[in-house]
Amino acid sequence: MMASIQIPVACPECGRIAIEDYYYRTGAGYIICQCCGCEVEREAIYDSKNNTSYFEEEKRKGYGKFVLEMKDGTFSIKRLMIPLTVEQFEIFKGMFFDSNVDHENSYLVTYQNGEFSILLGNVPDEFKLSFDEFIEKYGYDYV
């Protein structure tokens, strides 16, 4: 049985708010950034031959995200794990301008070379805060 704790942490890529799901019994877990989409997975490895254990960590760079909220309250979030292509942008743009989309709460943002670019919609105010600013304003229980 796995037991985990979810806590807000600073994203190792962009420094904004991320969520860590930490399996405290094993030390394994993962981090997913709520802004740039960066993902870090930490796996506990047991070497039975040497009777030792260690951690392997894999980091996948994030390139932004597409949040699409519908007028009926349903939503989808797509993290960009590669730079946005022209073809992807056209698909996202078509989805964004659908008449059933809540445009106030939907957005497409990219992250490259340490910079965010808002391509569609408006990001929420908390998106623009560094991790420290976010915690100061909302506290640890907000996430």
N, C-alpha and C. Protein backbone atom coordinates (compact mmCIF):
# COMPACT_ATOMS: atom_id res chain seq x y z
N MET A 1 0.85 -1.19 0.00
CA MET A 1 0.00 0.00 0.00
C MET A 1 0.88 1.24 0.00
N MET A 2 0.68 2.10 -0.96
CA MET A 2 1.45 3.34 -1.06
C MET A 2 0.75 4.44 -0.29
N ALA A 3 1.53 5.29 0.33
CA ALA A 3 1.01 6.45 1.04
C ALA A 3 1.75 7.67 0.54
N SER A 4 1.01 8.73 0.24
CA SER A 4 1.67 9.90 -0.32
C SER A 4 1.13 11.18 0.31
N ILE A 5 1.92 12.21 0.13
CA ILE A 5 1.57 13.55 0.58
C ILE A 5 1.75 14.47 -0.62
N GLN A 6 0.79 15.33 -0.88
CA GLN A 6 0.92 16.31 -1.95
C GLN A 6 1.21 17.66 -1.32
N ILE A 7 2.30 18.27 -1.77
CA ILE A 7 2.72 19.56 -1.23
C ILE A 7 3.13 20.49 -2.35
N PRO A 8 2.92 21.80 -2.18
CA PRO A 8 3.41 22.75 -3.17
C PRO A 8 4.92 22.92 -3.04
N VAL A 9 5.60 22.99 -4.18
CA VAL A 9 7.04 23.20 -4.23
C VAL A 9 7.35 24.14 -5.38
N ALA A 10 8.56 24.68 -5.39
CA ALA A 10 9.00 25.51 -6.51
C ALA A 10 9.38 24.61 -7.68
N CYS A 11 8.94 24.97 -8.86
CA CYS A 11 9.29 24.21 -10.05
C CYS A 11 10.80 24.31 -10.30
N PRO A 12 11.46 23.18 -10.55
CA PRO A 12 12.90 23.23 -10.81
C PRO A 12 13.23 23.86 -12.16
N GLU A 13 12.24 24.05 -13.02
CA GLU A 13 12.47 24.63 -14.34
C GLU A 13 12.20 26.14 -14.36
N CYS A 14 10.98 26.55 -13.93
CA CYS A 14 10.60 27.96 -14.06
C CYS A 14 10.50 28.70 -12.73
N GLY A 15 10.54 27.97 -11.60
CA GLY A 15 10.49 28.62 -10.29
C GLY A 15 9.11 29.00 -9.82
N ARG A 16 8.09 28.62 -10.56
CA ARG A 16 6.72 28.93 -10.15
C ARG A 16 6.12 27.74 -9.39
N ILE A 17 4.83 27.76 -9.16
CA ILE A 17 4.19 26.76 -8.32
C ILE A 17 4.09 25.40 -9.01
N ALA A 18 4.52 24.39 -8.30
CA ALA A 18 4.42 23.00 -8.76
C ALA A 18 3.86 22.18 -7.61
N ILE A 19 3.39 20.98 -7.92
CA ILE A 19 2.86 20.07 -6.91
C ILE A 19 3.76 18.85 -6.87
N GLU A 20 4.19 18.50 -5.65
CA GLU A 20 4.96 17.28 -5.47
C GLU A 20 4.07 16.25 -4.80
N ASP A 21 4.02 15.08 -5.40
CA ASP A 21 3.33 13.94 -4.81
C ASP A 21 4.44 13.04 -4.29
N TYR A 22 4.61 13.02 -2.97
CA TYR A 22 5.75 12.38 -2.32
C TYR A 22 5.28 11.13 -1.59
N TYR A 23 5.80 9.98 -2.00
CA TYR A 23 5.48 8.71 -1.33
C TYR A 23 6.43 8.54 -0.16
N TYR A 24 5.96 8.94 1.03
CA TYR A 24 6.87 9.04 2.18
C TYR A 24 7.40 7.70 2.66
N ARG A 25 6.78 6.61 2.34
CA ARG A 25 7.30 5.31 2.78
C ARG A 25 8.51 4.86 1.95
N THR A 26 8.56 5.31 0.71
CA THR A 26 9.66 4.89 -0.17
C THR A 26 10.60 6.02 -0.55
N GLY A 27 10.14 7.26 -0.44
CA GLY A 27 10.93 8.41 -0.89
C GLY A 27 10.74 8.71 -2.36
N ALA A 28 9.98 7.88 -3.06
CA ALA A 28 9.72 8.10 -4.49
C ALA A 28 8.64 9.18 -4.63
N GLY A 29 8.44 9.63 -5.84
CA GLY A 29 7.39 10.61 -6.09
C GLY A 29 7.58 11.31 -7.40
N TYR A 30 6.80 12.35 -7.59
CA TYR A 30 6.93 13.15 -8.81
C TYR A 30 6.51 14.58 -8.53
N ILE A 31 6.98 15.46 -9.40
CA ILE A 31 6.64 16.88 -9.35
C ILE A 31 6.07 17.24 -10.71
N ILE A 32 4.96 17.98 -10.71
CA ILE A 32 4.40 18.50 -11.96
C ILE A 32 4.16 19.99 -11.77
N CYS A 33 4.77 20.78 -12.65
CA CYS A 33 4.61 22.23 -12.58
C CYS A 33 3.25 22.63 -13.12
N GLN A 34 2.59 23.53 -12.42
CA GLN A 34 1.28 24.03 -12.81
C GLN A 34 1.36 25.13 -13.86
N CYS A 35 2.58 25.56 -14.18
CA CYS A 35 2.75 26.66 -15.13
C CYS A 35 3.46 26.22 -16.41
N CYS A 36 4.70 25.77 -16.30
CA CYS A 36 5.46 25.41 -17.51
C CYS A 36 5.24 23.98 -17.94
N GLY A 37 4.74 23.12 -17.03
CA GLY A 37 4.48 21.74 -17.38
C GLY A 37 5.63 20.79 -17.13
N CYS A 38 6.73 21.27 -16.57
CA CYS A 38 7.88 20.43 -16.25
C CYS A 38 7.44 19.27 -15.36
N GLU A 39 8.07 18.13 -15.55
CA GLU A 39 7.74 16.95 -14.75
C GLU A 39 9.04 16.30 -14.29
N VAL A 40 9.10 15.97 -13.01
CA VAL A 40 10.26 15.27 -12.44
C VAL A 40 9.72 14.02 -11.75
N GLU A 41 10.27 12.87 -12.12
CA GLU A 41 9.87 11.61 -11.51
C GLU A 41 11.05 11.02 -10.76
N ARG A 42 10.82 10.69 -9.50
CA ARG A 42 11.87 10.09 -8.66
C ARG A 42 11.42 8.69 -8.27
N GLU A 43 12.22 7.70 -8.64
CA GLU A 43 11.88 6.30 -8.40
C GLU A 43 12.88 5.68 -7.44
N ALA A 44 12.37 4.95 -6.47
CA ALA A 44 13.23 4.24 -5.53
C ALA A 44 13.61 2.90 -6.16
N ILE A 45 14.90 2.61 -6.21
CA ILE A 45 15.42 1.38 -6.81
C ILE A 45 16.09 0.55 -5.72
N TYR A 46 15.76 -0.73 -5.67
CA TYR A 46 16.41 -1.63 -4.72
C TYR A 46 17.29 -2.59 -5.49
N ASP A 47 18.56 -2.61 -5.15
CA ASP A 47 19.55 -3.50 -5.76
C ASP A 47 19.73 -4.70 -4.84
N SER A 48 19.03 -5.81 -5.17
CA SER A 48 19.08 -6.99 -4.29
C SER A 48 20.44 -7.66 -4.31
N LYS A 49 21.17 -7.49 -5.38
CA LYS A 49 22.50 -8.10 -5.49
C LYS A 49 23.45 -7.51 -4.45
N ASN A 50 23.39 -6.20 -4.26
CA ASN A 50 24.26 -5.50 -3.31
C ASN A 50 23.53 -5.10 -2.02
N ASN A 51 22.23 -5.45 -1.93
CA ASN A 51 21.41 -5.11 -0.78
C ASN A 51 21.47 -3.61 -0.45
N THR A 52 21.33 -2.80 -1.51
CA THR A 52 21.34 -1.35 -1.35
C THR A 52 20.15 -0.76 -2.10
N SER A 53 19.82 0.45 -1.75
CA SER A 53 18.77 1.15 -2.48
C SER A 53 19.26 2.54 -2.84
N TYR A 54 18.70 3.09 -3.91
CA TYR A 54 19.06 4.42 -4.38
C TYR A 54 17.88 4.99 -5.16
N PHE A 55 17.99 6.24 -5.54
CA PHE A 55 16.93 6.89 -6.31
C PHE A 55 17.43 7.24 -7.70
N GLU A 56 16.54 7.06 -8.66
CA GLU A 56 16.79 7.54 -10.01
C GLU A 56 15.78 8.65 -10.27
N GLU A 57 16.26 9.73 -10.87
CA GLU A 57 15.39 10.87 -11.14
C GLU A 57 15.41 11.18 -12.62
N GLU A 58 14.23 11.37 -13.19
CA GLU A 58 14.11 11.73 -14.59
C GLU A 58 13.34 13.04 -14.69
N LYS A 59 13.92 14.01 -15.38
CA LYS A 59 13.28 15.32 -15.55
C LYS A 59 12.89 15.50 -17.01
N ARG A 60 11.63 15.88 -17.22
CA ARG A 60 11.14 16.17 -18.55
C ARG A 60 10.77 17.66 -18.59
N LYS A 61 11.41 18.35 -19.48
CA LYS A 61 11.20 19.78 -19.62
C LYS A 61 9.78 20.07 -20.07
N GLY A 62 9.22 21.13 -19.54
CA GLY A 62 7.89 21.57 -19.95
C GLY A 62 7.99 22.77 -20.88
N TYR A 63 7.06 22.86 -21.80
CA TYR A 63 7.05 23.96 -22.78
C TYR A 63 5.77 24.78 -22.72
N GLY A 64 5.00 24.61 -21.63
CA GLY A 64 3.78 25.39 -21.47
C GLY A 64 2.58 24.50 -21.27
N LYS A 65 1.38 25.11 -21.39
CA LYS A 65 0.17 24.31 -21.26
C LYS A 65 -1.01 24.99 -21.92
N PHE A 66 -1.99 24.15 -22.23
CA PHE A 66 -3.23 24.58 -22.85
C PHE A 66 -4.37 24.17 -21.92
N VAL A 67 -5.08 25.15 -21.39
CA VAL A 67 -6.21 24.90 -20.50
C VAL A 67 -7.47 25.31 -21.24
N LEU A 68 -8.37 24.36 -21.37
CA LEU A 68 -9.62 24.60 -22.09
C LEU A 68 -10.78 24.28 -21.14
N GLU A 69 -11.47 25.33 -20.72
CA GLU A 69 -12.63 25.15 -19.84
C GLU A 69 -13.90 25.42 -20.64
N MET A 70 -14.83 24.51 -20.52
CA MET A 70 -16.08 24.63 -21.26
C MET A 70 -17.11 25.39 -20.42
N LYS A 71 -18.13 25.91 -21.08
CA LYS A 71 -19.18 26.65 -20.38
C LYS A 71 -19.96 25.78 -19.41
N ASP A 72 -19.95 24.46 -19.61
CA ASP A 72 -20.66 23.56 -18.69
C ASP A 72 -19.81 23.19 -17.47
N GLY A 73 -18.60 23.76 -17.36
CA GLY A 73 -17.75 23.53 -16.20
C GLY A 73 -16.72 22.42 -16.38
N THR A 74 -16.82 21.61 -17.43
CA THR A 74 -15.81 20.59 -17.68
C THR A 74 -14.57 21.27 -18.26
N PHE A 75 -13.44 20.63 -18.11
CA PHE A 75 -12.22 21.24 -18.63
C PHE A 75 -11.20 20.16 -18.99
N SER A 76 -10.19 20.57 -19.75
CA SER A 76 -9.06 19.70 -20.05
C SER A 76 -7.79 20.53 -19.97
N ILE A 77 -6.71 19.85 -19.58
CA ILE A 77 -5.40 20.50 -19.48
C ILE A 77 -4.41 19.67 -20.27
N LYS A 78 -3.70 20.30 -21.17
CA LYS A 78 -2.67 19.63 -21.96
C LYS A 78 -1.34 20.30 -21.67
N ARG A 79 -0.41 19.53 -21.10
CA ARG A 79 0.94 20.05 -20.88
C ARG A 79 1.74 19.86 -22.16
N LEU A 80 2.47 20.89 -22.55
CA LEU A 80 3.29 20.81 -23.76
C LEU A 80 4.65 20.24 -23.39
N MET A 81 4.96 19.07 -23.91
CA MET A 81 6.22 18.41 -23.59
C MET A 81 7.27 18.59 -24.68
N ILE A 82 6.88 19.25 -25.77
CA ILE A 82 7.79 19.64 -26.84
C ILE A 82 7.41 21.07 -27.24
N PRO A 83 8.31 21.79 -27.90
CA PRO A 83 7.93 23.14 -28.34
C PRO A 83 6.69 23.10 -29.23
N LEU A 84 5.84 24.09 -29.08
CA LEU A 84 4.59 24.18 -29.83
C LEU A 84 4.88 24.32 -31.32
N THR A 85 4.23 23.48 -32.12
CA THR A 85 4.39 23.57 -33.58
C THR A 85 3.28 24.45 -34.14
N VAL A 86 3.43 24.87 -35.37
CA VAL A 86 2.41 25.67 -36.05
C VAL A 86 1.13 24.85 -36.18
N GLU A 87 1.28 23.56 -36.49
CA GLU A 87 0.11 22.70 -36.64
C GLU A 87 -0.65 22.57 -35.31
N GLN A 88 0.09 22.37 -34.21
CA GLN A 88 -0.55 22.28 -32.90
C GLN A 88 -1.26 23.58 -32.55
N PHE A 89 -0.59 24.70 -32.83
CA PHE A 89 -1.20 26.00 -32.52
C PHE A 89 -2.52 26.16 -33.26
N GLU A 90 -2.57 25.78 -34.52
CA GLU A 90 -3.80 25.91 -35.29
C GLU A 90 -4.91 25.02 -34.71
N ILE A 91 -4.55 23.82 -34.27
CA ILE A 91 -5.54 22.93 -33.64
C ILE A 91 -6.05 23.53 -32.34
N PHE A 92 -5.14 24.00 -31.49
CA PHE A 92 -5.53 24.61 -30.22
C PHE A 92 -6.37 25.86 -30.44
N LYS A 93 -6.00 26.67 -31.43
CA LYS A 93 -6.74 27.89 -31.73
C LYS A 93 -8.17 27.55 -32.14
N GLY A 94 -8.33 26.52 -32.98
CA GLY A 94 -9.67 26.09 -33.38
C GLY A 94 -10.49 25.63 -32.19
N MET A 95 -9.86 24.89 -31.29
CA MET A 95 -10.56 24.43 -30.08
C MET A 95 -10.93 25.61 -29.19
N PHE A 96 -10.00 26.55 -29.04
CA PHE A 96 -10.20 27.70 -28.15
C PHE A 96 -11.40 28.54 -28.59
N PHE A 97 -11.56 28.75 -29.90
CA PHE A 97 -12.61 29.64 -30.39
C PHE A 97 -13.95 28.95 -30.61
N ASP A 98 -14.11 27.72 -30.13
CA ASP A 98 -15.39 27.03 -30.16
C ASP A 98 -16.39 27.81 -29.30
N SER A 99 -17.63 27.85 -29.72
CA SER A 99 -18.65 28.64 -29.00
C SER A 99 -18.98 28.08 -27.61
N ASN A 100 -18.62 26.83 -27.33
CA ASN A 100 -18.90 26.23 -26.02
C ASN A 100 -17.79 26.46 -25.00
N VAL A 101 -16.73 27.15 -25.40
CA VAL A 101 -15.57 27.38 -24.53
C VAL A 101 -15.78 28.62 -23.67
N ASP A 102 -15.42 28.50 -22.39
CA ASP A 102 -15.41 29.64 -21.47
C ASP A 102 -14.08 30.36 -21.69
N HIS A 103 -14.08 31.41 -22.46
CA HIS A 103 -12.85 32.11 -22.85
C HIS A 103 -12.18 32.83 -21.69
N GLU A 104 -12.93 33.17 -20.67
CA GLU A 104 -12.35 33.85 -19.50
C GLU A 104 -11.43 32.93 -18.71
N ASN A 105 -11.66 31.62 -18.77
CA ASN A 105 -10.89 30.67 -17.95
C ASN A 105 -10.07 29.69 -18.78
N SER A 106 -9.90 29.97 -20.06
CA SER A 106 -9.11 29.12 -20.94
C SER A 106 -7.91 29.89 -21.45
N TYR A 107 -6.82 29.17 -21.70
CA TYR A 107 -5.62 29.85 -22.20
C TYR A 107 -4.62 28.86 -22.78
N LEU A 108 -3.75 29.41 -23.62
CA LEU A 108 -2.60 28.68 -24.16
C LEU A 108 -1.38 29.52 -23.86
N VAL A 109 -0.43 28.92 -23.15
CA VAL A 109 0.80 29.62 -22.80
C VAL A 109 1.98 28.71 -23.13
N THR A 110 3.03 29.30 -23.69
CA THR A 110 4.24 28.54 -23.98
C THR A 110 5.36 29.00 -23.05
N TYR A 111 6.33 28.11 -22.87
CA TYR A 111 7.49 28.41 -22.03
C TYR A 111 8.74 27.96 -22.77
N GLN A 112 9.59 28.92 -23.13
CA GLN A 112 10.85 28.62 -23.80
C GLN A 112 11.89 29.65 -23.41
N ASN A 113 13.11 29.19 -23.24
CA ASN A 113 14.24 30.06 -22.91
C ASN A 113 13.96 30.92 -21.68
N GLY A 114 13.28 30.34 -20.70
CA GLY A 114 13.01 31.04 -19.45
C GLY A 114 11.91 32.07 -19.52
N GLU A 115 11.15 32.11 -20.62
CA GLU A 115 10.10 33.12 -20.80
C GLU A 115 8.76 32.47 -21.10
N PHE A 116 7.71 33.00 -20.49
CA PHE A 116 6.34 32.59 -20.80
C PHE A 116 5.77 33.53 -21.86
N SER A 117 5.00 32.96 -22.78
CA SER A 117 4.28 33.75 -23.79
C SER A 117 2.83 33.30 -23.78
N ILE A 118 1.92 34.24 -23.57
CA ILE A 118 0.50 33.94 -23.57
C ILE A 118 0.02 34.10 -25.01
N LEU A 119 -0.40 33.01 -25.63
CA LEU A 119 -0.81 33.03 -27.03
C LEU A 119 -2.32 33.15 -27.21
N LEU A 120 -3.08 32.59 -26.27
CA LEU A 120 -4.54 32.67 -26.32
C LEU A 120 -5.07 32.85 -24.90
N GLY A 121 -6.09 33.65 -24.74
CA GLY A 121 -6.74 33.81 -23.45
C GLY A 121 -5.93 34.60 -22.45
N ASN A 122 -6.30 34.45 -21.21
CA ASN A 122 -5.65 35.15 -20.10
C ASN A 122 -5.35 34.16 -19.00
N VAL A 123 -4.12 34.14 -18.54
CA VAL A 123 -3.75 33.23 -17.45
C VAL A 123 -4.30 33.78 -16.13
N PRO A 124 -4.59 32.90 -15.16
CA PRO A 124 -5.05 33.38 -13.85
C PRO A 124 -3.96 34.19 -13.15
N ASP A 125 -4.35 35.07 -12.25
CA ASP A 125 -3.39 35.92 -11.55
C ASP A 125 -2.30 35.13 -10.84
N GLU A 126 -2.67 33.99 -10.21
CA GLU A 126 -1.68 33.22 -9.47
C GLU A 126 -0.62 32.59 -10.38
N PHE A 127 -0.92 32.46 -11.66
CA PHE A 127 0.02 31.91 -12.63
C PHE A 127 1.27 32.80 -12.74
N LYS A 128 1.09 34.09 -12.56
CA LYS A 128 2.17 35.06 -12.77
C LYS A 128 3.11 35.19 -11.58
N LEU A 129 2.82 34.49 -10.47
CA LEU A 129 3.60 34.64 -9.24
C LEU A 129 4.73 33.61 -9.16
N SER A 130 5.86 34.03 -8.60
CA SER A 130 6.91 33.07 -8.29
C SER A 130 6.39 32.16 -7.18
N PHE A 131 7.09 31.08 -6.91
CA PHE A 131 6.67 30.17 -5.83
C PHE A 131 6.56 30.92 -4.51
N ASP A 132 7.59 31.70 -4.16
CA ASP A 132 7.57 32.43 -2.88
C ASP A 132 6.42 33.42 -2.81
N GLU A 133 6.16 34.14 -3.91
CA GLU A 133 5.05 35.09 -3.94
C GLU A 133 3.71 34.36 -3.80
N PHE A 134 3.60 33.21 -4.45
CA PHE A 134 2.39 32.42 -4.38
C PHE A 134 2.11 31.98 -2.94
N ILE A 135 3.13 31.44 -2.27
CA ILE A 135 2.96 30.96 -0.89
C ILE A 135 2.65 32.13 0.04
N GLU A 136 3.31 33.25 -0.16
CA GLU A 136 3.06 34.43 0.68
C GLU A 136 1.61 34.90 0.53
N LYS A 137 1.09 34.87 -0.69
CA LYS A 137 -0.27 35.36 -0.95
C LYS A 137 -1.35 34.34 -0.58
N TYR A 138 -1.13 33.06 -0.93
CA TYR A 138 -2.19 32.06 -0.78
C TYR A 138 -1.93 31.03 0.32
N GLY A 139 -0.69 30.88 0.74
CA GLY A 139 -0.35 29.87 1.74
C GLY A 139 -0.20 28.49 1.14
N TYR A 140 0.15 27.53 1.96
CA TYR A 140 0.39 26.16 1.50
C TYR A 140 -0.89 25.37 1.27
N ASP A 141 -1.99 25.79 1.84
CA ASP A 141 -3.22 25.03 1.75
C ASP A 141 -4.03 25.34 0.50
N TYR A 142 -3.63 26.32 -0.29
CA TYR A 142 -4.39 26.77 -1.45
C TYR A 142 -4.41 25.71 -2.56
N VAL A 143 -3.31 25.01 -2.73
CA VAL A 143 -3.14 24.09 -3.85
C VAL A 143 -4.01 22.87 -3.72
